[in-house]
Amino acid sequence: MMENYQNWLKAIEQTFVVRFPKQSLATFGVTNIKYYVVTEPIYADGDEREGVVRTGQVTSERPAIITPNYFNSIQGFSSDAYEFFREVARDQGPNSPAIMYEYKNKPENLEIVGGLATEIAHNISKDLNSRQEEMSVVMVGVDELWDVALLKFIYEFTASSVSSNVQDFTSRGLLTPRNDLGGIPAAAAQQLEALFQEVEQGDRASVDILKQELDRWGVFPFYQDRFLSLFR
């Protein structure tokens, strides 16, 4: 375990971004980012002048507004993540709004290119700039842990986008608590209203999703009469 941790630290220390995307994460839509991770091949003996270029696409789904209570009802996260949100709930309240980002990675290609890894990365960056590729990122990482470079970028890019995303949500009143609905954010109330309308318009397949979201937000008692009226 300690050896793996040391390897991760080494990979993080040797990882850096040569070129960031020119735009932040979209607040109200999906963001697609093309990535180029350049590494020195693991078989390099010191005299090699080759680099490994891995390309792919990271997709960031539309940022979602959640609360600690809502997060704790979602399955699939680590125990550390749940403990973090329980601490947030104790400190800031169970319905304090937060933003959750969801990413998907789709590797595409691997290519061996002549030259030093840093030189290759800068050449790729120059080419992207000349083509005005705004949503592309170029990184240099460690070959056997190349995905650490990708994770480090995702963390840094998300951190740099949070303030603008929060500002966008705030300007539209989406983080405002709905005290008439137990204090959930206005964005959650809008989401629930949209689900109700889908069901009321005949989309019966959305009934289970609606009930699940009402329970996750802990607001079923506020909507109980309206929900039951769907079956009358």
Protein backbone atom coordinates (compact mmCIF):
# COMPACT_ATOMS: atom_id res chain seq x y z
CA MET A 1 0.00 0.00 0.00
CA MET A 2 2.79 2.44 0.95
CA GLU A 3 4.68 1.60 -2.26
CA ASN A 4 1.59 2.34 -4.37
CA TYR A 5 1.14 5.64 -2.53
CA GLN A 6 4.76 6.61 -3.16
CA ASN A 7 4.36 5.77 -6.86
CA TRP A 8 1.28 8.00 -7.04
CA LEU A 9 3.15 10.87 -5.37
CA LYS A 10 6.01 10.44 -7.83
CA ALA A 11 3.60 10.44 -10.76
CA ILE A 12 1.83 13.56 -9.51
CA GLU A 13 5.13 15.38 -8.99
CA GLN A 14 6.22 14.60 -12.56
CA THR A 15 2.87 15.45 -14.12
CA PHE A 16 2.13 18.88 -15.54
CA VAL A 17 -0.25 20.49 -18.00
CA VAL A 18 1.33 22.12 -21.04
CA ARG A 19 -1.92 23.49 -22.45
CA PHE A 20 -5.26 24.00 -20.73
CA PRO A 21 -8.61 24.25 -22.53
CA LYS A 22 -9.54 27.83 -23.38
CA GLN A 23 -12.99 27.65 -21.78
CA SER A 24 -14.36 26.56 -18.40
CA LEU A 25 -16.77 23.70 -17.83
CA ALA A 26 -20.24 24.52 -19.12
CA THR A 27 -22.74 25.17 -16.34
CA PHE A 28 -25.88 24.20 -18.24
CA GLY A 29 -24.62 21.66 -20.73
CA VAL A 30 -22.19 18.84 -21.50
CA THR A 31 -18.47 19.63 -21.96
CA ASN A 32 -16.29 17.49 -24.25
CA ILE A 33 -12.52 17.77 -23.82
CA LYS A 34 -9.97 16.17 -26.13
CA TYR A 35 -6.83 15.13 -24.28
CA TYR A 36 -3.24 14.34 -25.25
CA VAL A 37 -1.12 12.67 -22.57
CA VAL A 38 2.56 12.44 -23.51
CA THR A 39 4.91 10.17 -21.58
CA GLU A 40 8.40 8.75 -21.86
CA PRO A 41 8.01 5.03 -22.70
CA ILE A 42 8.51 2.66 -19.81
CA TYR A 43 11.18 0.78 -21.79
CA ALA A 44 13.32 3.91 -22.32
CA ASP A 45 17.02 3.37 -21.44
CA GLY A 46 18.14 6.99 -21.31
CA ASP A 47 19.26 7.28 -24.93
CA GLU A 48 15.80 6.90 -26.41
CA ARG A 49 14.23 9.93 -28.05
CA GLU A 50 10.68 8.69 -28.22
CA GLY A 51 7.44 9.62 -26.55
CA VAL A 52 4.11 7.85 -26.12
CA VAL A 53 1.10 9.96 -27.05
CA ARG A 54 -2.24 8.79 -25.71
CA THR A 55 -5.36 10.54 -26.92
CA GLY A 56 -8.98 10.35 -25.89
CA GLN A 57 -11.97 12.34 -24.80
CA VAL A 58 -13.23 13.26 -21.36
CA THR A 59 -16.90 14.16 -21.17
CA SER A 60 -18.22 16.22 -18.27
CA GLU A 61 -21.94 15.85 -17.79
CA ARG A 62 -23.97 18.92 -16.88
CA PRO A 63 -22.99 19.89 -13.30
CA ALA A 64 -25.69 18.80 -10.86
CA ILE A 65 -26.82 20.65 -7.75
CA ILE A 66 -27.02 18.29 -4.78
CA THR A 67 -27.15 18.44 -0.98
CA PRO A 68 -25.44 16.25 1.65
CA ASN A 69 -28.77 14.51 2.31
CA TYR A 70 -29.26 13.82 -1.39
CA PHE A 71 -25.69 12.56 -1.84
CA ASN A 72 -26.04 10.07 1.01
CA SER A 73 -28.92 8.39 -0.82
CA ILE A 74 -26.87 7.77 -3.99
CA GLN A 75 -25.10 4.43 -4.28
CA GLY A 76 -21.67 3.73 -5.71
CA PHE A 77 -19.34 6.12 -3.87
CA SER A 78 -16.58 5.32 -1.39
CA SER A 79 -17.05 5.37 2.36
CA ASP A 80 -14.70 8.37 2.51
CA ALA A 81 -16.98 10.33 0.15
CA TYR A 82 -20.04 9.61 2.30
CA GLU A 83 -18.17 10.56 5.46
CA PHE A 84 -17.11 13.85 3.85
CA PHE A 85 -20.70 14.76 3.03
CA ARG A 86 -21.87 13.77 6.52
CA GLU A 87 -19.32 16.24 7.89
CA VAL A 88 -20.60 18.91 5.49
CA ALA A 89 -24.16 18.20 6.65
CA ARG A 90 -23.12 18.60 10.29
CA ASP A 91 -21.23 21.83 9.60
CA GLN A 92 -23.45 23.56 7.02
CA GLY A 93 -26.80 21.77 7.19
CA PRO A 94 -28.34 18.78 5.39
CA ASN A 95 -29.67 20.92 2.53
CA SER A 96 -26.64 23.12 1.95
CA PRO A 97 -26.18 23.16 -1.84
CA ALA A 98 -23.12 21.69 -3.51
CA ILE A 99 -22.16 20.92 -7.10
CA MET A 100 -21.42 17.39 -8.29
CA TYR A 101 -19.38 16.79 -11.44
CA GLU A 102 -19.54 13.52 -13.36
CA TYR A 103 -16.88 12.56 -15.90
CA LYS A 104 -16.55 9.80 -18.47
CA ASN A 105 -13.24 8.86 -20.09
CA LYS A 106 -13.07 7.41 -23.61
CA PRO A 107 -9.50 6.46 -24.65
CA GLU A 108 -9.01 6.62 -28.40
CA ASN A 109 -5.45 6.08 -29.63
CA LEU A 110 -1.84 5.39 -28.68
CA GLU A 111 1.09 6.46 -30.87
CA ILE A 112 4.89 6.38 -30.58
CA VAL A 113 6.44 9.67 -31.69
CA GLY A 114 10.09 10.63 -32.04
CA GLY A 115 11.49 13.24 -29.66
CA LEU A 116 11.51 14.11 -25.97
CA ALA A 117 8.14 13.99 -24.20
CA THR A 118 8.19 17.69 -23.33
CA GLU A 119 9.12 18.68 -26.90
CA ILE A 120 6.34 16.50 -28.33
CA ALA A 121 3.81 18.03 -25.90
CA HIS A 122 4.79 21.58 -26.86
CA ASN A 123 4.60 20.73 -30.57
CA ILE A 124 1.09 19.32 -30.11
CA SER A 125 0.14 22.44 -28.17
CA LYS A 126 1.41 24.72 -30.95
CA ASP A 127 -0.56 22.74 -33.53
CA LEU A 128 -3.75 22.97 -31.46
CA ASN A 129 -3.27 26.71 -31.05
CA SER A 130 -2.83 27.16 -34.78
CA ARG A 131 -6.06 25.28 -35.36
CA GLN A 132 -7.82 27.19 -32.55
CA GLU A 133 -8.82 23.97 -30.79
CA GLU A 134 -10.33 25.55 -27.69
CA MET A 135 -11.41 22.45 -25.76
CA SER A 136 -8.21 20.40 -25.92
CA VAL A 137 -5.65 19.75 -23.19
CA VAL A 138 -2.02 18.58 -23.46
CA MET A 139 -0.25 16.95 -20.52
CA VAL A 140 3.07 15.29 -19.71
CA GLY A 141 2.91 12.34 -17.34
CA VAL A 142 4.49 9.07 -16.25
CA ASP A 143 4.01 6.14 -18.63
CA GLU A 144 2.88 3.41 -16.21
CA LEU A 145 0.56 5.84 -14.40
CA TRP A 146 -0.46 8.04 -17.32
CA ASP A 147 -4.04 8.23 -16.10
CA VAL A 148 -2.79 10.06 -13.01
CA ALA A 149 -2.05 12.98 -15.34
CA LEU A 150 -5.62 12.85 -16.55
CA LEU A 151 -7.01 12.75 -13.00
CA LYS A 152 -4.80 15.64 -11.93
CA PHE A 153 -6.04 17.70 -14.87
CA ILE A 154 -9.69 16.89 -14.11
CA TYR A 155 -9.22 17.99 -10.51
CA GLU A 156 -7.51 21.26 -11.45
CA PHE A 157 -9.92 22.04 -14.29
CA THR A 158 -12.94 21.39 -12.08
CA ALA A 159 -11.51 23.58 -9.33
CA SER A 160 -10.95 26.42 -11.80
CA SER A 161 -14.53 26.14 -13.09
CA VAL A 162 -16.41 25.94 -9.80
CA SER A 163 -16.63 29.67 -9.11
CA SER A 164 -18.10 30.50 -12.53
CA ASN A 165 -20.53 27.58 -12.29
CA VAL A 166 -21.68 28.71 -8.83
CA GLN A 167 -22.09 32.26 -10.11
CA ASP A 168 -24.23 31.03 -13.02
CA PHE A 169 -26.42 28.95 -10.70
CA THR A 170 -26.73 31.81 -8.21
CA SER A 171 -27.65 34.40 -10.85
CA ARG A 172 -30.59 32.22 -11.85
CA GLY A 173 -31.68 31.65 -8.26
CA LEU A 174 -31.07 27.90 -8.54
CA LEU A 175 -29.23 27.66 -5.22
CA THR A 176 -31.94 29.55 -3.32
CA PRO A 177 -33.54 27.32 -0.65
CA ARG A 178 -37.25 26.56 -1.03
CA ASN A 179 -38.39 26.81 2.57
CA ASP A 180 -41.89 25.69 1.56
CA LEU A 181 -40.31 22.40 0.45
CA GLY A 182 -38.07 21.70 3.41
CA GLY A 183 -35.21 23.92 2.27
CA ILE A 184 -34.14 22.06 -0.88
CA PRO A 185 -32.48 24.21 -3.59
CA ALA A 186 -34.74 25.79 -6.21
CA ALA A 187 -32.96 23.70 -8.85
CA ALA A 188 -34.26 20.53 -7.19
CA ALA A 189 -37.81 21.89 -7.15
CA GLN A 190 -37.52 22.67 -10.88
CA GLN A 191 -36.25 19.16 -11.57
CA LEU A 192 -39.13 17.60 -9.66
CA GLU A 193 -41.66 19.84 -11.43
CA ALA A 194 -40.28 18.71 -14.80
CA LEU A 195 -40.66 15.05 -13.77
CA PHE A 196 -44.24 15.64 -12.62
CA GLN A 197 -45.06 17.25 -15.95
CA GLU A 198 -43.58 14.30 -17.85
CA VAL A 199 -45.78 11.88 -15.93
CA GLU A 200 -48.87 14.09 -16.21
CA GLN A 201 -48.36 14.26 -19.96
CA GLY A 202 -48.48 10.48 -20.24
CA ASP A 203 -44.89 9.34 -19.69
CA ARG A 204 -45.70 6.63 -17.18
CA ALA A 205 -42.15 5.31 -17.37
CA SER A 206 -41.06 8.35 -15.36
CA VAL A 207 -43.20 7.45 -12.32
CA ASP A 208 -40.48 5.34 -10.68
CA ILE A 209 -37.85 8.02 -11.35
CA LEU A 210 -40.13 10.67 -9.87
CA LYS A 211 -40.73 8.63 -6.70
CA GLN A 212 -37.03 7.93 -6.38
CA GLU A 213 -36.14 11.63 -6.65
CA LEU A 214 -38.84 12.63 -4.17
CA ASP A 215 -37.39 10.16 -1.68
CA ARG A 216 -33.78 11.17 -2.34
CA TRP A 217 -34.57 14.81 -1.71
CA GLY A 218 -36.65 13.85 1.33
CA VAL A 219 -39.68 15.83 0.14
CA PHE A 220 -42.26 13.12 -0.54
CA PRO A 221 -44.53 14.41 2.29
CA PHE A 222 -44.69 17.82 0.56
CA TYR A 223 -45.71 16.22 -2.74
CA GLN A 224 -47.67 13.22 -1.46
CA ASP A 225 -51.15 14.39 -2.49
CA ARG A 226 -50.01 15.43 -5.95
CA PHE A 227 -48.13 12.17 -6.44
CA LEU A 228 -51.06 10.01 -5.37
CA SER A 229 -53.38 11.99 -7.64
CA LEU A 230 -51.39 10.66 -10.61
CA PHE A 231 -53.06 7.28 -10.07
CA ARG A 232 -56.64 8.48 -9.71
